[in-house]
Amino acid sequence: MNENDDIRVTSISRARALEEIADFWDTHSLADYWDQTHEVEFEVRASRRRRVTLVPEVYARIEAQARERGILPETLVNLWLVERLQEVG
């Protein structure tokens, strides 16, 4: 069996890779292809998120720092926690 036998082409974009699919939909509207679509069902298994309660004053400082960096406060907290955990091993 040749490796090209496993390559599938998408029905609308005729793409063979995720990047090609993305490029196609960056320049096309689903409205133009709606009649070629069909309903599907699938299950998504998302990682469970945990919540941590912060003192309002601490959150305000985090929010200000995140705003300066142009990121969400949640992203900043995650970055800082990863950095700290790497430090302590």
PDB file of N, CA and C in Angstrom:
ATOM      1  N   MET A   1       0.847  -1.190   0.000  1.00  0.00           N
ATOM      2  CA  MET A   1       0.000   0.000   0.000  1.00  0.00           C
ATOM      3  C   MET A   1       0.880   1.237   0.000  1.00  0.00           C
ATOM      4  N   ASN A   2       0.574   2.156  -0.811  1.00  0.00           N
ATOM      5  CA  ASN A   2       1.320   3.383  -0.963  1.00  0.00           C
ATOM      6  C   ASN A   2       0.787   4.416   0.040  1.00  0.00           C
ATOM      7  N   GLU A   3       1.676   5.293   0.553  1.00  0.00           N
ATOM      8  CA  GLU A   3       1.254   6.239   1.606  1.00  0.00           C
ATOM      9  C   GLU A   3       0.184   7.202   1.135  1.00  0.00           C
ATOM     10  N   ASN A   4       0.074   7.457  -0.148  1.00  0.00           N
ATOM     11  CA  ASN A   4      -0.965   8.335  -0.671  1.00  0.00           C
ATOM     12  C   ASN A   4      -2.352   7.712  -0.592  1.00  0.00           C
ATOM     13  N   ASP A   5      -2.434   6.386  -0.403  1.00  0.00           N
ATOM     14  CA  ASP A   5      -3.727   5.728  -0.290  1.00  0.00           C
ATOM     15  C   ASP A   5      -4.480   6.166   0.960  1.00  0.00           C
ATOM     16  N   ASP A   6      -3.757   6.620   1.987  1.00  0.00           N
ATOM     17  CA  ASP A   6      -4.372   7.028   3.248  1.00  0.00           C
ATOM     18  C   ASP A   6      -4.796   8.490   3.247  1.00  0.00           C
ATOM     19  N   ILE A   7      -4.371   9.255   2.249  1.00  0.00           N
ATOM     20  CA  ILE A   7      -4.684  10.683   2.210  1.00  0.00           C
ATOM     21  C   ILE A   7      -6.115  10.868   1.711  1.00  0.00           C
ATOM     22  N   ARG A   8      -6.894  11.554   2.533  1.00  0.00           N
ATOM     23  CA  ARG A   8      -8.285  11.844   2.155  1.00  0.00           C
ATOM     24  C   ARG A   8      -8.402  13.308   1.791  1.00  0.00           C
ATOM     25  N   VAL A   9      -9.283  13.599   0.888  1.00  0.00           N
ATOM     26  CA  VAL A   9      -9.529  14.968   0.451  1.00  0.00           C
ATOM     27  C   VAL A   9     -10.861  15.400   1.038  1.00  0.00           C
ATOM     28  N   THR A  10     -10.910  16.626   1.588  1.00  0.00           N
ATOM     29  CA  THR A  10     -12.170  17.105   2.141  1.00  0.00           C
ATOM     30  C   THR A  10     -13.150  17.377   1.007  1.00  0.00           C
ATOM     31  N   SER A  11     -14.416  17.198   1.298  1.00  0.00           N
ATOM     32  CA  SER A  11     -15.438  17.263   0.249  1.00  0.00           C
ATOM     33  C   SER A  11     -15.647  18.651  -0.336  1.00  0.00           C
ATOM     34  N   ILE A  12     -15.472  19.684   0.439  1.00  0.00           N
ATOM     35  CA  ILE A  12     -15.725  21.036  -0.074  1.00  0.00           C
ATOM     36  C   ILE A  12     -14.429  21.716  -0.507  1.00  0.00           C
ATOM     37  N   SER A  13     -13.456  21.774   0.361  1.00  0.00           N
ATOM     38  CA  SER A  13     -12.232  22.515   0.036  1.00  0.00           C
ATOM     39  C   SER A  13     -11.272  21.727  -0.846  1.00  0.00           C
ATOM     40  N   ARG A  14     -11.459  20.414  -0.919  1.00  0.00           N
ATOM     41  CA  ARG A  14     -10.567  19.524  -1.659  1.00  0.00           C
ATOM     42  C   ARG A  14      -9.166  19.538  -1.063  1.00  0.00           C
ATOM     43  N   ALA A  15      -9.067  19.928   0.204  1.00  0.00           N
ATOM     44  CA  ALA A  15      -7.777  20.028   0.891  1.00  0.00           C
ATOM     45  C   ALA A  15      -7.343  18.663   1.408  1.00  0.00           C
ATOM     46  N   ARG A  16      -6.039  18.523   1.591  1.00  0.00           N
ATOM     47  CA  ARG A  16      -5.465  17.268   2.079  1.00  0.00           C
ATOM     48  C   ARG A  16      -4.821  17.418   3.455  1.00  0.00           C
ATOM     49  N   ALA A  17      -4.744  18.635   3.963  1.00  0.00           N
ATOM     50  CA  ALA A  17      -4.106  18.886   5.256  1.00  0.00           C
ATOM     51  C   ALA A  17      -4.853  19.993   5.989  1.00  0.00           C
ATOM     52  N   LEU A  18      -4.712  20.007   7.307  1.00  0.00           N
ATOM     53  CA  LEU A  18      -5.407  21.016   8.121  1.00  0.00           C
ATOM     54  C   LEU A  18      -5.053  22.433   7.686  1.00  0.00           C
ATOM     55  N   GLU A  19      -3.789  22.666   7.368  1.00  0.00           N
ATOM     56  CA  GLU A  19      -3.381  24.011   6.948  1.00  0.00           C
ATOM     57  C   GLU A  19      -4.082  24.413   5.651  1.00  0.00           C
ATOM     58  N   GLU A  20      -4.237  23.472   4.730  1.00  0.00           N
ATOM     59  CA  GLU A  20      -4.940  23.760   3.479  1.00  0.00           C
ATOM     60  C   GLU A  20      -6.412  24.057   3.739  1.00  0.00           C
ATOM     61  N   ILE A  21      -7.012  23.322   4.666  1.00  0.00           N
ATOM     62  CA  ILE A  21      -8.414  23.555   5.025  1.00  0.00           C
ATOM     63  C   ILE A  21      -8.549  24.965   5.614  1.00  0.00           C
ATOM     64  N   ALA A  22      -7.642  25.316   6.520  1.00  0.00           N
ATOM     65  CA  ALA A  22      -7.673  26.646   7.148  1.00  0.00           C
ATOM     66  C   ALA A  22      -7.519  27.733   6.099  1.00  0.00           C
ATOM     67  N   ASP A  23      -6.580  27.552   5.172  1.00  0.00           N
ATOM     68  CA  ASP A  23      -6.380  28.547   4.115  1.00  0.00           C
ATOM     69  C   ASP A  23      -7.649  28.716   3.283  1.00  0.00           C
ATOM     70  N   PHE A  24      -8.287  27.604   2.966  1.00  0.00           N
ATOM     71  CA  PHE A  24      -9.517  27.660   2.169  1.00  0.00           C
ATOM     72  C   PHE A  24     -10.590  28.468   2.886  1.00  0.00           C
ATOM     73  N   TRP A  25     -10.853  28.145   4.167  1.00  0.00           N
ATOM     74  CA  TRP A  25     -11.939  28.806   4.886  1.00  0.00           C
ATOM     75  C   TRP A  25     -11.585  30.235   5.283  1.00  0.00           C
ATOM     76  N   ASP A  26     -10.297  30.591   5.244  1.00  0.00           N
ATOM     77  CA  ASP A  26      -9.919  31.996   5.466  1.00  0.00           C
ATOM     78  C   ASP A  26     -10.372  32.874   4.305  1.00  0.00           C
ATOM     79  N   THR A  27     -10.584  32.255   3.146  1.00  0.00           N
ATOM     80  CA  THR A  27     -10.926  33.041   1.955  1.00  0.00           C
ATOM     81  C   THR A  27     -12.293  32.693   1.369  1.00  0.00           C
ATOM     82  N   HIS A  28     -13.044  31.831   2.038  1.00  0.00           N
ATOM     83  CA  HIS A  28     -14.361  31.432   1.540  1.00  0.00           C
ATOM     84  C   HIS A  28     -15.397  31.537   2.658  1.00  0.00           C
ATOM     85  N   SER A  29     -16.650  31.686   2.289  1.00  0.00           N
ATOM     86  CA  SER A  29     -17.733  31.774   3.258  1.00  0.00           C
ATOM     87  C   SER A  29     -18.527  30.469   3.274  1.00  0.00           C
ATOM     88  N   LEU A  30     -18.836  29.987   4.463  1.00  0.00           N
ATOM     89  CA  LEU A  30     -19.663  28.781   4.588  1.00  0.00           C
ATOM     90  C   LEU A  30     -21.027  28.990   3.951  1.00  0.00           C
ATOM     91  N   ALA A  31     -21.498  30.227   3.934  1.00  0.00           N
ATOM     92  CA  ALA A  31     -22.803  30.525   3.333  1.00  0.00           C
ATOM     93  C   ALA A  31     -22.855  30.093   1.869  1.00  0.00           C
ATOM     94  N   ASP A  32     -21.721  30.131   1.199  1.00  0.00           N
ATOM     95  CA  ASP A  32     -21.672  29.727  -0.210  1.00  0.00           C
ATOM     96  C   ASP A  32     -21.722  28.215  -0.401  1.00  0.00           C
ATOM     97  N   TYR A  33     -21.504  27.457   0.674  1.00  0.00           N
ATOM     98  CA  TYR A  33     -21.421  25.999   0.584  1.00  0.00           C
ATOM     99  C   TYR A  33     -22.432  25.293   1.484  1.00  0.00           C
ATOM    100  N   TRP A  34     -23.328  26.066   2.089  1.00  0.00           N
ATOM    101  CA  TRP A  34     -24.260  25.517   3.081  1.00  0.00           C
ATOM    102  C   TRP A  34     -25.034  24.309   2.558  1.00  0.00           C
ATOM    103  N   ASP A  35     -25.437  24.353   1.305  1.00  0.00           N
ATOM    104  CA  ASP A  35     -26.224  23.251   0.730  1.00  0.00           C
ATOM    105  C   ASP A  35     -25.403  21.975   0.563  1.00  0.00           C
ATOM    106  N   GLN A  36     -24.084  22.053   0.716  1.00  0.00           N
ATOM    107  CA  GLN A  36     -23.228  20.879   0.596  1.00  0.00           C
ATOM    108  C   GLN A  36     -22.870  20.275   1.958  1.00  0.00           C
ATOM    109  N   THR A  37     -23.406  20.864   3.023  1.00  0.00           N
ATOM    110  CA  THR A  37     -23.088  20.379   4.365  1.00  0.00           C
ATOM    111  C   THR A  37     -24.160  19.415   4.852  1.00  0.00           C
ATOM    112  N   HIS A  38     -23.849  18.708   5.932  1.00  0.00           N
ATOM    113  CA  HIS A  38     -24.824  17.820   6.559  1.00  0.00           C
ATOM    114  C   HIS A  38     -24.582  17.802   8.068  1.00  0.00           C
ATOM    115  N   GLU A  39     -25.623  17.485   8.780  1.00  0.00           N
ATOM    116  CA  GLU A  39     -25.553  17.478  10.235  1.00  0.00           C
ATOM    117  C   GLU A  39     -24.743  16.285  10.717  1.00  0.00           C
ATOM    118  N   VAL A  40     -23.921  16.508  11.736  1.00  0.00           N
ATOM    119  CA  VAL A  40     -23.139  15.436  12.340  1.00  0.00           C
ATOM    120  C   VAL A  40     -23.244  15.528  13.854  1.00  0.00           C
ATOM    121  N   GLU A  41     -22.961  14.437  14.514  1.00  0.00           N
ATOM    122  CA  GLU A  41     -22.895  14.410  15.972  1.00  0.00           C
ATOM    123  C   GLU A  41     -21.520  13.908  16.363  1.00  0.00           C
ATOM    124  N   PHE A  42     -20.953  14.503  17.406  1.00  0.00           N
ATOM    125  CA  PHE A  42     -19.669  14.048  17.909  1.00  0.00           C
ATOM    126  C   PHE A  42     -19.549  14.417  19.376  1.00  0.00           C
ATOM    127  N   GLU A  43     -18.678  13.732  20.060  1.00  0.00           N
ATOM    128  CA  GLU A  43     -18.474  13.959  21.482  1.00  0.00           C
ATOM    129  C   GLU A  43     -17.159  14.700  21.687  1.00  0.00           C
ATOM    130  N   VAL A  44     -17.179  15.675  22.573  1.00  0.00           N
ATOM    131  CA  VAL A  44     -15.971  16.428  22.896  1.00  0.00           C
ATOM    132  C   VAL A  44     -15.614  16.138  24.336  1.00  0.00           C
ATOM    133  N   ARG A  45     -14.386  15.746  24.542  1.00  0.00           N
ATOM    134  CA  ARG A  45     -13.902  15.501  25.905  1.00  0.00           C
ATOM    135  C   ARG A  45     -12.902  16.589  26.257  1.00  0.00           C
ATOM    136  N   ALA A  46     -13.392  17.596  26.912  1.00  0.00           N
ATOM    137  CA  ALA A  46     -12.546  18.730  27.287  1.00  0.00           C
ATOM    138  C   ALA A  46     -11.938  18.477  28.666  1.00  0.00           C
ATOM    139  N   SER A  47     -10.749  19.000  28.846  1.00  0.00           N
ATOM    140  CA  SER A  47     -10.111  18.903  30.161  1.00  0.00           C
ATOM    141  C   SER A  47     -10.929  19.705  31.161  1.00  0.00           C
ATOM    142  N   ARG A  48     -11.063  19.156  32.324  1.00  0.00           N
ATOM    143  CA  ARG A  48     -11.803  19.872  33.362  1.00  0.00           C
ATOM    144  C   ARG A  48     -10.955  21.015  33.893  1.00  0.00           C
ATOM    145  N   ARG A  49     -11.562  22.169  34.016  1.00  0.00           N
ATOM    146  CA  ARG A  49     -10.864  23.335  34.553  1.00  0.00           C
ATOM    147  C   ARG A  49     -11.147  23.452  36.037  1.00  0.00           C
ATOM    148  N   ARG A  50     -10.213  23.980  36.750  1.00  0.00           N
ATOM    149  CA  ARG A  50     -10.363  24.210  38.187  1.00  0.00           C
ATOM    150  C   ARG A  50     -10.418  25.706  38.435  1.00  0.00           C
ATOM    151  N   ARG A  51     -11.153  26.087  39.443  1.00  0.00           N
ATOM    152  CA  ARG A  51     -11.245  27.497  39.805  1.00  0.00           C
ATOM    153  C   ARG A  51     -10.483  27.740  41.100  1.00  0.00           C
ATOM    154  N   VAL A  52      -9.856  28.894  41.149  1.00  0.00           N
ATOM    155  CA  VAL A  52      -9.143  29.318  42.354  1.00  0.00           C
ATOM    156  C   VAL A  52      -9.685  30.696  42.709  1.00  0.00           C
ATOM    157  N   THR A  53     -10.093  30.872  43.947  1.00  0.00           N
ATOM    158  CA  THR A  53     -10.626  32.151  44.398  1.00  0.00           C
ATOM    159  C   THR A  53      -9.474  33.068  44.792  1.00  0.00           C
ATOM    160  N   LEU A  54      -9.535  34.295  44.287  1.00  0.00           N
ATOM    161  CA  LEU A  54      -8.503  35.280  44.605  1.00  0.00           C
ATOM    162  C   LEU A  54      -9.108  36.437  45.385  1.00  0.00           C
ATOM    163  N   VAL A  55      -8.302  37.015  46.249  1.00  0.00           N
ATOM    164  CA  VAL A  55      -8.698  38.229  46.957  1.00  0.00           C
ATOM    165  C   VAL A  55      -8.876  39.317  45.898  1.00  0.00           C
ATOM    166  N   PRO A  56      -9.939  40.110  45.973  1.00  0.00           N
ATOM    167  CA  PRO A  56     -10.198  41.125  44.936  1.00  0.00           C
ATOM    168  C   PRO A  56      -9.008  42.039  44.634  1.00  0.00           C
ATOM    169  N   GLU A  57      -8.257  42.424  45.661  1.00  0.00           N
ATOM    170  CA  GLU A  57      -7.106  43.304  45.449  1.00  0.00           C
ATOM    171  C   GLU A  57      -6.020  42.599  44.641  1.00  0.00           C
ATOM    172  N   VAL A  58      -5.827  41.322  44.886  1.00  0.00           N
ATOM    173  CA  VAL A  58      -4.830  40.541  44.141  1.00  0.00           C
ATOM    174  C   VAL A  58      -5.273  40.419  42.685  1.00  0.00           C
ATOM    175  N   TYR A  59      -6.548  40.119  42.483  1.00  0.00           N
ATOM    176  CA  TYR A  59      -7.051  39.988  41.119  1.00  0.00           C
ATOM    177  C   TYR A  59      -6.905  41.304  40.357  1.00  0.00           C
ATOM    178  N   ALA A  60      -7.146  42.422  41.019  1.00  0.00           N
ATOM    179  CA  ALA A  60      -7.022  43.735  40.370  1.00  0.00           C
ATOM    180  C   ALA A  60      -5.591  43.965  39.903  1.00  0.00           C
ATOM    181  N   ARG A  61      -4.622  43.562  40.706  1.00  0.00           N
ATOM    182  CA  ARG A  61      -3.210  43.725  40.322  1.00  0.00           C
ATOM    183  C   ARG A  61      -2.860  42.805  39.160  1.00  0.00           C
ATOM    184  N   ILE A  62      -3.369  41.589  39.199  1.00  0.00           N
ATOM    185  CA  ILE A  62      -3.138  40.643  38.105  1.00  0.00           C
ATOM    186  C   ILE A  62      -3.770  41.169  36.820  1.00  0.00           C
ATOM    187  N   GLU A  63      -4.984  41.667  36.938  1.00  0.00           N
ATOM    188  CA  GLU A  63      -5.699  42.193  35.780  1.00  0.00           C
ATOM    189  C   GLU A  63      -4.928  43.355  35.149  1.00  0.00           C
ATOM    190  N   ALA A  64      -4.375  44.226  35.971  1.00  0.00           N
ATOM    191  CA  ALA A  64      -3.604  45.374  35.465  1.00  0.00           C
ATOM    192  C   ALA A  64      -2.344  44.893  34.745  1.00  0.00           C
ATOM    193  N   GLN A  65      -1.658  43.924  35.342  1.00  0.00           N
ATOM    194  CA  GLN A  65      -0.448  43.382  34.715  1.00  0.00           C
ATOM    195  C   GLN A  65      -0.784  42.702  33.379  1.00  0.00           C
ATOM    196  N   ALA A  66      -1.871  41.962  33.350  1.00  0.00           N
ATOM    197  CA  ALA A  66      -2.288  41.270  32.129  1.00  0.00           C
ATOM    198  C   ALA A  66      -2.635  42.283  31.044  1.00  0.00           C
ATOM    199  N   ARG A  67      -3.334  43.332  31.411  1.00  0.00           N
ATOM    200  CA  ARG A  67      -3.719  44.371  30.451  1.00  0.00           C
ATOM    201  C   ARG A  67      -2.474  44.994  29.820  1.00  0.00           C
ATOM    202  N   GLU A  68      -1.449  45.253  30.646  1.00  0.00           N
ATOM    203  CA  GLU A  68      -0.192  45.816  30.132  1.00  0.00           C
ATOM    204  C   GLU A  68       0.454  44.892  29.108  1.00  0.00           C
ATOM    205  N   ARG A  69       0.307  43.583  29.301  1.00  0.00           N
ATOM    206  CA  ARG A  69       0.913  42.590  28.404  1.00  0.00           C
ATOM    207  C   ARG A  69       0.006  42.215  27.231  1.00  0.00           C
ATOM    208  N   GLY A  70      -1.243  42.678  27.283  1.00  0.00           N
ATOM    209  CA  GLY A  70      -2.178  42.375  26.211  1.00  0.00           C
ATOM    210  C   GLY A  70      -2.670  40.942  26.225  1.00  0.00           C
ATOM    211  N   ILE A  71      -2.759  40.358  27.430  1.00  0.00           N
ATOM    212  CA  ILE A  71      -3.257  38.985  27.554  1.00  0.00           C
ATOM    213  C   ILE A  71      -4.352  38.936  28.612  1.00  0.00           C
ATOM    214  N   LEU A  72      -5.053  37.824  28.652  1.00  0.00           N
ATOM    215  CA  LEU A  72      -6.097  37.648  29.660  1.00  0.00           C
ATOM    216  C   LEU A  72      -5.478  37.395  31.035  1.00  0.00           C
ATOM    217  N   PRO A  73      -6.147  37.824  32.098  1.00  0.00           N
ATOM    218  CA  PRO A  73      -5.641  37.555  33.442  1.00  0.00           C
ATOM    219  C   PRO A  73      -5.417  36.057  33.684  1.00  0.00           C
ATOM    220  N   GLU A  74      -6.322  35.213  33.172  1.00  0.00           N
ATOM    221  CA  GLU A  74      -6.186  33.769  33.358  1.00  0.00           C
ATOM    222  C   GLU A  74      -4.911  33.248  32.711  1.00  0.00           C
ATOM    223  N   THR A  75      -4.574  33.802  31.555  1.00  0.00           N
ATOM    224  CA  THR A  75      -3.355  33.388  30.861  1.00  0.00           C
ATOM    225  C   THR A  75      -2.132  33.793  31.665  1.00  0.00           C
ATOM    226  N   LEU A  76      -2.132  35.003  32.183  1.00  0.00           N
ATOM    227  CA  LEU A  76      -1.007  35.477  32.983  1.00  0.00           C
ATOM    228  C   LEU A  76      -0.822  34.620  34.231  1.00  0.00           C
ATOM    229  N   VAL A  77      -1.897  34.330  34.918  1.00  0.00           N
ATOM    230  CA  VAL A  77      -1.811  33.500  36.122  1.00  0.00           C
ATOM    231  C   VAL A  77      -1.242  32.129  35.770  1.00  0.00           C
ATOM    232  N   ASN A  78      -1.721  31.533  34.683  1.00  0.00           N
ATOM    233  CA  ASN A  78      -1.199  30.225  34.276  1.00  0.00           C
ATOM    234  C   ASN A  78       0.291  30.297  33.942  1.00  0.00           C
ATOM    235  N   LEU A  79       0.708  31.344  33.240  1.00  0.00           N
ATOM    236  CA  LEU A  79       2.130  31.505  32.919  1.00  0.00           C
ATOM    237  C   LEU A  79       2.970  31.626  34.186  1.00  0.00           C
ATOM    238  N   TRP A  80       2.526  32.457  35.108  1.00  0.00           N
ATOM    239  CA  TRP A  80       3.259  32.641  36.350  1.00  0.00           C
ATOM    240  C   TRP A  80       3.321  31.350  37.168  1.00  0.00           C
ATOM    241  N   LEU A  81       2.223  30.636  37.220  1.00  0.00           N
ATOM    242  CA  LEU A  81       2.225  29.386  37.986  1.00  0.00           C
ATOM    243  C   LEU A  81       3.163  28.355  37.371  1.00  0.00           C
ATOM    244  N   VAL A  82       3.170  28.246  36.056  1.00  0.00           N
ATOM    245  CA  VAL A  82       4.076  27.310  35.395  1.00  0.00           C
ATOM    246  C   VAL A  82       5.522  27.692  35.684  1.00  0.00           C
ATOM    247  N   GLU A  83       5.839  28.994  35.579  1.00  0.00           N
ATOM    248  CA  GLU A  83       7.200  29.451  35.881  1.00  0.00           C
ATOM    249  C   GLU A  83       7.602  29.096  37.305  1.00  0.00           C
ATOM    250  N   ARG A  84       6.712  29.350  38.236  1.00  0.00           N
ATOM    251  CA  ARG A  84       7.004  29.076  39.645  1.00  0.00           C
ATOM    252  C   ARG A  84       7.184  27.583  39.905  1.00  0.00           C
ATOM    253  N   LEU A  85       6.338  26.770  39.317  1.00  0.00           N
ATOM    254  CA  LEU A  85       6.434  25.328  39.484  1.00  0.00           C
ATOM    255  C   LEU A  85       7.714  24.781  38.891  1.00  0.00           C
ATOM    256  N   GLN A  86       8.209  25.371  37.811  1.00  0.00           N
ATOM    257  CA  GLN A  86       9.475  24.953  37.213  1.00  0.00           C
ATOM    258  C   GLN A  86      10.628  25.305  38.144  1.00  0.00           C
ATOM    259  N   GLU A  87      10.526  26.451  38.825  1.00  0.00           N
ATOM    260  CA  GLU A  87      11.567  26.877  39.755  1.00  0.00           C
ATOM    261  C   GLU A  87      11.693  25.923  40.938  1.00  0.00           C
ATOM    262  N   VAL A  88      10.559  25.469  41.462  1.00  0.00           N
ATOM    263  CA  VAL A  88      10.583  24.634  42.661  1.00  0.00           C
ATOM    264  C   VAL A  88      10.742  23.152  42.331  1.00  0.00           C
ATOM    265  N   GLY A  89      10.691  22.845  41.060  1.00  0.00           N
ATOM    266  CA  GLY A  89      10.983  21.492  40.608  1.00  0.00           C
ATOM    267  C   GLY A  89       9.891  20.549  40.674  1.00  0.00           C
TER     268      GLY A  89
END
